Amino acid sequence: MLHPSYSDLMKVVNSEVEPGEAPVVNSRYSIVMATSKRARQIIGGSSAMVEGRDKKPLSIAVEELNQGKIKILSEEDEGQS
């Protein structure tokens, strides 16, 4: 079981969304894709943004997302970068 839960992670990701705006994340799939992408970056040599020497890369990525160290961009934001 994933801890924190998917619903907790979705709340963290969507916490900065203004009332009336579409949420950044609507599904578990978005959480899975974002954390797996970040885990691949960590495996590839990126530095972890949280303590996690004995943790697996995916656990580190989930913790980074939960702590707000990484952000999931909406499709609108991705087009602007």
PDB file of N, CA and C in Angstrom:
ATOM      1  N   MET A   1       0.838  -1.182   0.000  1.00  0.00           N
ATOM      2  CA  MET A   1       0.000   0.000   0.000  1.00  0.00           C
ATOM      3  C   MET A   1       0.883   1.245   0.000  1.00  0.00           C
ATOM      4  N   LEU A   2       0.484   2.192  -0.794  1.00  0.00           N
ATOM      5  CA  LEU A   2       1.218   3.438  -0.905  1.00  0.00           C
ATOM      6  C   LEU A   2       0.883   4.347   0.264  1.00  0.00           C
ATOM      7  N   HIS A   3       1.929   4.844   0.897  1.00  0.00           N
ATOM      8  CA  HIS A   3       1.700   5.817   1.960  1.00  0.00           C
ATOM      9  C   HIS A   3       2.561   7.026   1.657  1.00  0.00           C
ATOM     10  N   PRO A   4       2.047   8.184   1.510  1.00  0.00           N
ATOM     11  CA  PRO A   4       0.659   8.594   1.684  1.00  0.00           C
ATOM     12  C   PRO A   4      -0.228   8.046   0.561  1.00  0.00           C
ATOM     13  N   SER A   5      -1.519   8.111   0.777  1.00  0.00           N
ATOM     14  CA  SER A   5      -2.463   7.561  -0.193  1.00  0.00           C
ATOM     15  C   SER A   5      -2.523   8.436  -1.445  1.00  0.00           C
ATOM     16  N   TYR A   6      -3.078   7.875  -2.507  1.00  0.00           N
ATOM     17  CA  TYR A   6      -3.249   8.634  -3.740  1.00  0.00           C
ATOM     18  C   TYR A   6      -4.089   9.884  -3.501  1.00  0.00           C
ATOM     19  N   SER A   7      -5.144   9.746  -2.721  1.00  0.00           N
ATOM     20  CA  SER A   7      -6.009  10.909  -2.482  1.00  0.00           C
ATOM     21  C   SER A   7      -5.261  12.002  -1.711  1.00  0.00           C
ATOM     22  N   ASP A   8      -4.402  11.611  -0.769  1.00  0.00           N
ATOM     23  CA  ASP A   8      -3.586  12.600  -0.057  1.00  0.00           C
ATOM     24  C   ASP A   8      -2.626  13.304  -1.012  1.00  0.00           C
ATOM     25  N   LEU A   9      -1.999  12.548  -1.899  1.00  0.00           N
ATOM     26  CA  LEU A   9      -1.074  13.141  -2.862  1.00  0.00           C
ATOM     27  C   LEU A   9      -1.811  14.073  -3.820  1.00  0.00           C
ATOM     28  N   MET A  10      -3.019  13.703  -4.239  1.00  0.00           N
ATOM     29  CA  MET A  10      -3.788  14.568  -5.128  1.00  0.00           C
ATOM     30  C   MET A  10      -4.155  15.878  -4.433  1.00  0.00           C
ATOM     31  N   LYS A  11      -4.448  15.817  -3.144  1.00  0.00           N
ATOM     32  CA  LYS A  11      -4.737  17.041  -2.388  1.00  0.00           C
ATOM     33  C   LYS A  11      -3.521  17.954  -2.342  1.00  0.00           C
ATOM     34  N   VAL A  12      -2.339  17.377  -2.121  1.00  0.00           N
ATOM     35  CA  VAL A  12      -1.105  18.169  -2.074  1.00  0.00           C
ATOM     36  C   VAL A  12      -0.865  18.836  -3.430  1.00  0.00           C
ATOM     37  N   VAL A  13      -0.973  18.079  -4.495  1.00  0.00           N
ATOM     38  CA  VAL A  13      -0.706  18.593  -5.840  1.00  0.00           C
ATOM     39  C   VAL A  13      -1.706  19.694  -6.210  1.00  0.00           C
ATOM     40  N   ASN A  14      -2.956  19.503  -5.835  1.00  0.00           N
ATOM     41  CA  ASN A  14      -4.003  20.460  -6.197  1.00  0.00           C
ATOM     42  C   ASN A  14      -4.181  21.574  -5.173  1.00  0.00           C
ATOM     43  N   SER A  15      -3.349  21.633  -4.153  1.00  0.00           N
ATOM     44  CA  SER A  15      -3.536  22.600  -3.068  1.00  0.00           C
ATOM     45  C   SER A  15      -3.394  24.057  -3.516  1.00  0.00           C
ATOM     46  N   GLU A  16      -2.647  24.311  -4.573  1.00  0.00           N
ATOM     47  CA  GLU A  16      -2.442  25.686  -5.023  1.00  0.00           C
ATOM     48  C   GLU A  16      -3.421  26.122  -6.104  1.00  0.00           C
ATOM     49  N   VAL A  17      -4.369  25.271  -6.441  1.00  0.00           N
ATOM     50  CA  VAL A  17      -5.349  25.598  -7.470  1.00  0.00           C
ATOM     51  C   VAL A  17      -6.393  26.541  -6.883  1.00  0.00           C
ATOM     52  N   GLU A  18      -6.648  27.617  -7.608  1.00  0.00           N
ATOM     53  CA  GLU A  18      -7.653  28.595  -7.169  1.00  0.00           C
ATOM     54  C   GLU A  18      -9.058  28.013  -7.330  1.00  0.00           C
ATOM     55  N   PRO A  19      -9.980  28.432  -6.478  1.00  0.00           N
ATOM     56  CA  PRO A  19     -11.369  27.969  -6.628  1.00  0.00           C
ATOM     57  C   PRO A  19     -11.898  28.312  -8.020  1.00  0.00           C
ATOM     58  N   GLY A  20     -12.546  27.359  -8.632  1.00  0.00           N
ATOM     59  CA  GLY A  20     -13.091  27.538  -9.973  1.00  0.00           C
ATOM     60  C   GLY A  20     -12.164  27.077 -11.081  1.00  0.00           C
ATOM     61  N   GLU A  21     -10.879  26.910 -10.790  1.00  0.00           N
ATOM     62  CA  GLU A  21      -9.937  26.405 -11.781  1.00  0.00           C
ATOM     63  C   GLU A  21      -9.965  24.889 -11.801  1.00  0.00           C
ATOM     64  N   ALA A  22      -9.572  24.336 -12.930  1.00  0.00           N
ATOM     65  CA  ALA A  22      -9.502  22.880 -13.044  1.00  0.00           C
ATOM     66  C   ALA A  22      -8.330  22.363 -12.212  1.00  0.00           C
ATOM     67  N   PRO A  23      -8.500  21.250 -11.516  1.00  0.00           N
ATOM     68  CA  PRO A  23      -7.386  20.680 -10.748  1.00  0.00           C
ATOM     69  C   PRO A  23      -6.264  20.228 -11.677  1.00  0.00           C
ATOM     70  N   VAL A  24      -5.044  20.267 -11.179  1.00  0.00           N
ATOM     71  CA  VAL A  24      -3.878  19.831 -11.946  1.00  0.00           C
ATOM     72  C   VAL A  24      -3.949  18.325 -12.160  1.00  0.00           C
ATOM     73  N   VAL A  25      -4.350  17.599 -11.118  1.00  0.00           N
ATOM     74  CA  VAL A  25      -4.403  16.138 -11.158  1.00  0.00           C
ATOM     75  C   VAL A  25      -5.833  15.679 -10.895  1.00  0.00           C
ATOM     76  N   ASN A  26      -6.317  14.812 -11.787  1.00  0.00           N
ATOM     77  CA  ASN A  26      -7.664  14.270 -11.636  1.00  0.00           C
ATOM     78  C   ASN A  26      -7.683  12.781 -11.359  1.00  0.00           C
ATOM     79  N   SER A  27      -6.537  12.123 -11.495  1.00  0.00           N
ATOM     80  CA  SER A  27      -6.546  10.668 -11.395  1.00  0.00           C
ATOM     81  C   SER A  27      -5.263  10.134 -10.778  1.00  0.00           C
ATOM     82  N   ARG A  28      -5.335   8.898 -10.365  1.00  0.00           N
ATOM     83  CA  ARG A  28      -4.156   8.205  -9.835  1.00  0.00           C
ATOM     84  C   ARG A  28      -3.094   8.059 -10.909  1.00  0.00           C
ATOM     85  N   TYR A  29      -3.539   7.909 -12.143  1.00  0.00           N
ATOM     86  CA  TYR A  29      -2.613   7.734 -13.262  1.00  0.00           C
ATOM     87  C   TYR A  29      -1.621   8.890 -13.327  1.00  0.00           C
ATOM     88  N   SER A  30      -2.082  10.110 -13.127  1.00  0.00           N
ATOM     89  CA  SER A  30      -1.198  11.283 -13.156  1.00  0.00           C
ATOM     90  C   SER A  30      -0.149  11.214 -12.062  1.00  0.00           C
ATOM     91  N   ILE A  31      -0.550  10.755 -10.882  1.00  0.00           N
ATOM     92  CA  ILE A  31       0.391  10.604  -9.769  1.00  0.00           C
ATOM     93  C   ILE A  31       1.428   9.535 -10.109  1.00  0.00           C
ATOM     94  N   VAL A  32       0.980   8.420 -10.649  1.00  0.00           N
ATOM     95  CA  VAL A  32       1.888   7.320 -11.010  1.00  0.00           C
ATOM     96  C   VAL A  32       2.878   7.777 -12.077  1.00  0.00           C
ATOM     97  N   MET A  33       2.401   8.470 -13.099  1.00  0.00           N
ATOM     98  CA  MET A  33       3.281   8.921 -14.170  1.00  0.00           C
ATOM     99  C   MET A  33       4.313   9.922 -13.658  1.00  0.00           C
ATOM    100  N   ALA A  34       3.887  10.866 -12.825  1.00  0.00           N
ATOM    101  CA  ALA A  34       4.807  11.885 -12.312  1.00  0.00           C
ATOM    102  C   ALA A  34       5.870  11.279 -11.395  1.00  0.00           C
ATOM    103  N   THR A  35       5.451  10.408 -10.495  1.00  0.00           N
ATOM    104  CA  THR A  35       6.427   9.822  -9.572  1.00  0.00           C
ATOM    105  C   THR A  35       7.364   8.848 -10.289  1.00  0.00           C
ATOM    106  N   SER A  36       6.870   8.135 -11.280  1.00  0.00           N
ATOM    107  CA  SER A  36       7.757   7.222 -12.005  1.00  0.00           C
ATOM    108  C   SER A  36       8.761   8.002 -12.842  1.00  0.00           C
ATOM    109  N   LYS A  37       8.350   9.129 -13.415  1.00  0.00           N
ATOM    110  CA  LYS A  37       9.274   9.972 -14.165  1.00  0.00           C
ATOM    111  C   LYS A  37      10.361  10.513 -13.239  1.00  0.00           C
ATOM    112  N   ARG A  38       9.958  10.971 -12.057  1.00  0.00           N
ATOM    113  CA  ARG A  38      10.928  11.493 -11.096  1.00  0.00           C
ATOM    114  C   ARG A  38      11.864  10.384 -10.600  1.00  0.00           C
ATOM    115  N   ALA A  39      11.325   9.185 -10.385  1.00  0.00           N
ATOM    116  CA  ALA A  39      12.158   8.059  -9.951  1.00  0.00           C
ATOM    117  C   ALA A  39      13.217   7.737 -11.008  1.00  0.00           C
ATOM    118  N   ARG A  40      12.845   7.799 -12.284  1.00  0.00           N
ATOM    119  CA  ARG A  40      13.819   7.562 -13.353  1.00  0.00           C
ATOM    120  C   ARG A  40      14.907   8.636 -13.349  1.00  0.00           C
ATOM    121  N   GLN A  41      14.527   9.885 -13.026  1.00  0.00           N
ATOM    122  CA  GLN A  41      15.526  10.951 -12.934  1.00  0.00           C
ATOM    123  C   GLN A  41      16.510  10.667 -11.798  1.00  0.00           C
ATOM    124  N   ILE A  42      15.993  10.203 -10.677  1.00  0.00           N
ATOM    125  CA  ILE A  42      16.848   9.874  -9.524  1.00  0.00           C
ATOM    126  C   ILE A  42      17.782   8.720  -9.878  1.00  0.00           C
ATOM    127  N   ILE A  43      17.254   7.700 -10.531  1.00  0.00           N
ATOM    128  CA  ILE A  43      18.076   6.568 -10.969  1.00  0.00           C
ATOM    129  C   ILE A  43      19.159   7.053 -11.930  1.00  0.00           C
ATOM    130  N   GLY A  44      18.811   8.040 -12.748  1.00  0.00           N
ATOM    131  CA  GLY A  44      19.756   8.582 -13.720  1.00  0.00           C
ATOM    132  C   GLY A  44      20.808   9.507 -13.131  1.00  0.00           C
ATOM    133  N   GLY A  45      20.710   9.793 -11.835  1.00  0.00           N
ATOM    134  CA  GLY A  45      21.754  10.591 -11.201  1.00  0.00           C
ATOM    135  C   GLY A  45      21.299  11.896 -10.572  1.00  0.00           C
ATOM    136  N   SER A  46      20.036  12.283 -10.732  1.00  0.00           N
ATOM    137  CA  SER A  46      19.555  13.509 -10.085  1.00  0.00           C
ATOM    138  C   SER A  46      19.597  13.355  -8.577  1.00  0.00           C
ATOM    139  N   SER A  47      19.896  14.431  -7.911  1.00  0.00           N
ATOM    140  CA  SER A  47      19.945  14.409  -6.450  1.00  0.00           C
ATOM    141  C   SER A  47      18.546  14.386  -5.858  1.00  0.00           C
ATOM    142  N   ALA A  48      18.386  13.613  -4.814  1.00  0.00           N
ATOM    143  CA  ALA A  48      17.106  13.564  -4.106  1.00  0.00           C
ATOM    144  C   ALA A  48      16.935  14.852  -3.311  1.00  0.00           C
ATOM    145  N   MET A  49      15.703  15.327  -3.214  1.00  0.00           N
ATOM    146  CA  MET A  49      15.398  16.563  -2.496  1.00  0.00           C
ATOM    147  C   MET A  49      14.928  16.302  -1.073  1.00  0.00           C
ATOM    148  N   VAL A  50      14.892  15.032  -0.686  1.00  0.00           N
ATOM    149  CA  VAL A  50      14.513  14.633   0.672  1.00  0.00           C
ATOM    150  C   VAL A  50      15.517  13.599   1.160  1.00  0.00           C
ATOM    151  N   GLU A  51      15.572  13.395   2.475  1.00  0.00           N
ATOM    152  CA  GLU A  51      16.431  12.354   3.028  1.00  0.00           C
ATOM    153  C   GLU A  51      15.912  10.995   2.578  1.00  0.00           C
ATOM    154  N   GLY A  52      16.784  10.163   2.105  1.00  0.00           N
ATOM    155  CA  GLY A  52      16.325   8.857   1.663  1.00  0.00           C
ATOM    156  C   GLY A  52      17.446   7.952   1.222  1.00  0.00           C
ATOM    157  N   ARG A  53      18.522   7.923   1.964  1.00  0.00           N
ATOM    158  CA  ARG A  53      19.664   7.101   1.571  1.00  0.00           C
ATOM    159  C   ARG A  53      19.305   5.633   1.429  1.00  0.00           C
ATOM    160  N   ASP A  54      18.450   5.119   2.273  1.00  0.00           N
ATOM    161  CA  ASP A  54      18.117   3.697   2.232  1.00  0.00           C
ATOM    162  C   ASP A  54      16.784   3.424   1.540  1.00  0.00           C
ATOM    163  N   LYS A  55      16.197   4.442   0.938  1.00  0.00           N
ATOM    164  CA  LYS A  55      14.904   4.281   0.274  1.00  0.00           C
ATOM    165  C   LYS A  55      15.101   4.023  -1.210  1.00  0.00           C
ATOM    166  N   LYS A  56      14.111   3.392  -1.797  1.00  0.00           N
ATOM    167  CA  LYS A  56      14.115   3.157  -3.233  1.00  0.00           C
ATOM    168  C   LYS A  56      13.744   4.460  -3.947  1.00  0.00           C
ATOM    169  N   PRO A  57      14.179   4.614  -5.206  1.00  0.00           N
ATOM    170  CA  PRO A  57      13.910   5.854  -5.941  1.00  0.00           C
ATOM    171  C   PRO A  57      12.426   6.229  -6.013  1.00  0.00           C
ATOM    172  N   LEU A  58      11.541   5.257  -6.162  1.00  0.00           N
ATOM    173  CA  LEU A  58      10.120   5.582  -6.225  1.00  0.00           C
ATOM    174  C   LEU A  58       9.617   6.109  -4.886  1.00  0.00           C
ATOM    175  N   SER A  59      10.083   5.543  -3.789  1.00  0.00           N
ATOM    176  CA  SER A  59       9.691   6.034  -2.463  1.00  0.00           C
ATOM    177  C   SER A  59      10.175   7.460  -2.250  1.00  0.00           C
ATOM    178  N   ILE A  60      11.363   7.747  -2.730  1.00  0.00           N
ATOM    179  CA  ILE A  60      11.899   9.111  -2.631  1.00  0.00           C
ATOM    180  C   ILE A  60      11.036  10.064  -3.446  1.00  0.00           C
ATOM    181  N   ALA A  61      10.673   9.659  -4.662  1.00  0.00           N
ATOM    182  CA  ALA A  61       9.849  10.508  -5.530  1.00  0.00           C
ATOM    183  C   ALA A  61       8.484  10.792  -4.901  1.00  0.00           C
ATOM    184  N   VAL A  62       7.877   9.786  -4.293  1.00  0.00           N
ATOM    185  CA  VAL A  62       6.583   9.973  -3.636  1.00  0.00           C
ATOM    186  C   VAL A  62       6.723  10.946  -2.472  1.00  0.00           C
ATOM    187  N   GLU A  63       7.782  10.816  -1.709  1.00  0.00           N
ATOM    188  CA  GLU A  63       8.009  11.714  -0.571  1.00  0.00           C
ATOM    189  C   GLU A  63       8.260  13.141  -1.046  1.00  0.00           C
ATOM    190  N   GLU A  64       9.010  13.297  -2.123  1.00  0.00           N
ATOM    191  CA  GLU A  64       9.241  14.630  -2.684  1.00  0.00           C
ATOM    192  C   GLU A  64       7.931  15.282  -3.102  1.00  0.00           C
ATOM    193  N   LEU A  65       7.071  14.518  -3.748  1.00  0.00           N
ATOM    194  CA  LEU A  65       5.771  15.038  -4.159  1.00  0.00           C
ATOM    195  C   LEU A  65       4.920  15.398  -2.948  1.00  0.00           C
ATOM    196  N   ASN A  66       4.912  14.539  -1.951  1.00  0.00           N
ATOM    197  CA  ASN A  66       4.122  14.762  -0.744  1.00  0.00           C
ATOM    198  C   ASN A  66       4.580  16.013   0.010  1.00  0.00           C
ATOM    199  N   GLN A  67       5.872  16.287   0.002  1.00  0.00           N
ATOM    200  CA  GLN A  67       6.412  17.454   0.691  1.00  0.00           C
ATOM    201  C   GLN A  67       6.375  18.718  -0.162  1.00  0.00           C
ATOM    202  N   GLY A  68       5.903  18.597  -1.394  1.00  0.00           N
ATOM    203  CA  GLY A  68       5.823  19.769  -2.266  1.00  0.00           C
ATOM    204  C   GLY A  68       7.152  20.175  -2.870  1.00  0.00           C
ATOM    205  N   LYS A  69       8.129  19.291  -2.841  1.00  0.00           N
ATOM    206  CA  LYS A  69       9.454  19.595  -3.402  1.00  0.00           C
ATOM    207  C   LYS A  69       9.443  19.531  -4.927  1.00  0.00           C
ATOM    208  N   ILE A  70       8.529  18.740  -5.487  1.00  0.00           N
ATOM    209  CA  ILE A  70       8.352  18.678  -6.934  1.00  0.00           C
ATOM    210  C   ILE A  70       6.909  19.014  -7.242  1.00  0.00           C
ATOM    211  N   LYS A  71       6.669  19.497  -8.435  1.00  0.00           N
ATOM    212  CA  LYS A  71       5.333  19.899  -8.854  1.00  0.00           C
ATOM    213  C   LYS A  71       4.951  19.134 -10.112  1.00  0.00           C
ATOM    214  N   ILE A  72       3.663  18.891 -10.268  1.00  0.00           N
ATOM    215  CA  ILE A  72       3.130  18.335 -11.497  1.00  0.00           C
ATOM    216  C   ILE A  72       2.532  19.502 -12.253  1.00  0.00           C
ATOM    217  N   LEU A  73       2.993  19.706 -13.480  1.00  0.00           N
ATOM    218  CA  LEU A  73       2.487  20.809 -14.284  1.00  0.00           C
ATOM    219  C   LEU A  73       1.220  20.388 -15.006  1.00  0.00           C
ATOM    220  N   SER A  74       0.281  21.309 -15.112  1.00  0.00           N
ATOM    221  CA  SER A  74      -0.917  21.049 -15.905  1.00  0.00           C
ATOM    222  C   SER A  74      -0.519  21.089 -17.372  1.00  0.00           C
ATOM    223  N   GLU A  75      -1.380  20.613 -18.243  1.00  0.00           N
ATOM    224  CA  GLU A  75      -1.067  20.620 -19.676  1.00  0.00           C
ATOM    225  C   GLU A  75      -0.862  22.046 -20.163  1.00  0.00           C
ATOM    226  N   GLU A  76      -1.602  23.011 -19.627  1.00  0.00           N
ATOM    227  CA  GLU A  76      -1.444  24.411 -19.970  1.00  0.00           C
ATOM    228  C   GLU A  76      -0.050  24.901 -19.630  1.00  0.00           C
ATOM    229  N   ASP A  77       0.408  24.600 -18.408  1.00  0.00           N
ATOM    230  CA  ASP A  77       1.724  25.032 -17.946  1.00  0.00           C
ATOM    231  C   ASP A  77       2.846  24.402 -18.762  1.00  0.00           C
ATOM    232  N   GLU A  78       2.687  23.148 -19.157  1.00  0.00           N
ATOM    233  CA  GLU A  78       3.721  22.470 -19.930  1.00  0.00           C
ATOM    234  C   GLU A  78       3.901  23.129 -21.281  1.00  0.00           C
ATOM    235  N   GLY A  79       2.820  23.604 -21.882  1.00  0.00           N
ATOM    236  CA  GLY A  79       2.892  24.268 -23.186  1.00  0.00           C
ATOM    237  C   GLY A  79       3.590  25.607 -23.118  1.00  0.00           C
ATOM    238  N   GLN A  80       3.622  26.238 -21.949  1.00  0.00           N
ATOM    239  CA  GLN A  80       4.228  27.552 -21.782  1.00  0.00           C
ATOM    240  C   GLN A  80       5.718  27.474 -21.473  1.00  0.00           C
ATOM    241  N   SER A  81       6.214  26.317 -21.073  1.00  0.00           N
ATOM    242  CA  SER A  81       7.629  26.237 -20.683  1.00  0.00           C
ATOM    243  C   SER A  81       8.540  25.964 -21.844  1.00  0.00           C
TER     244      SER A  81
END
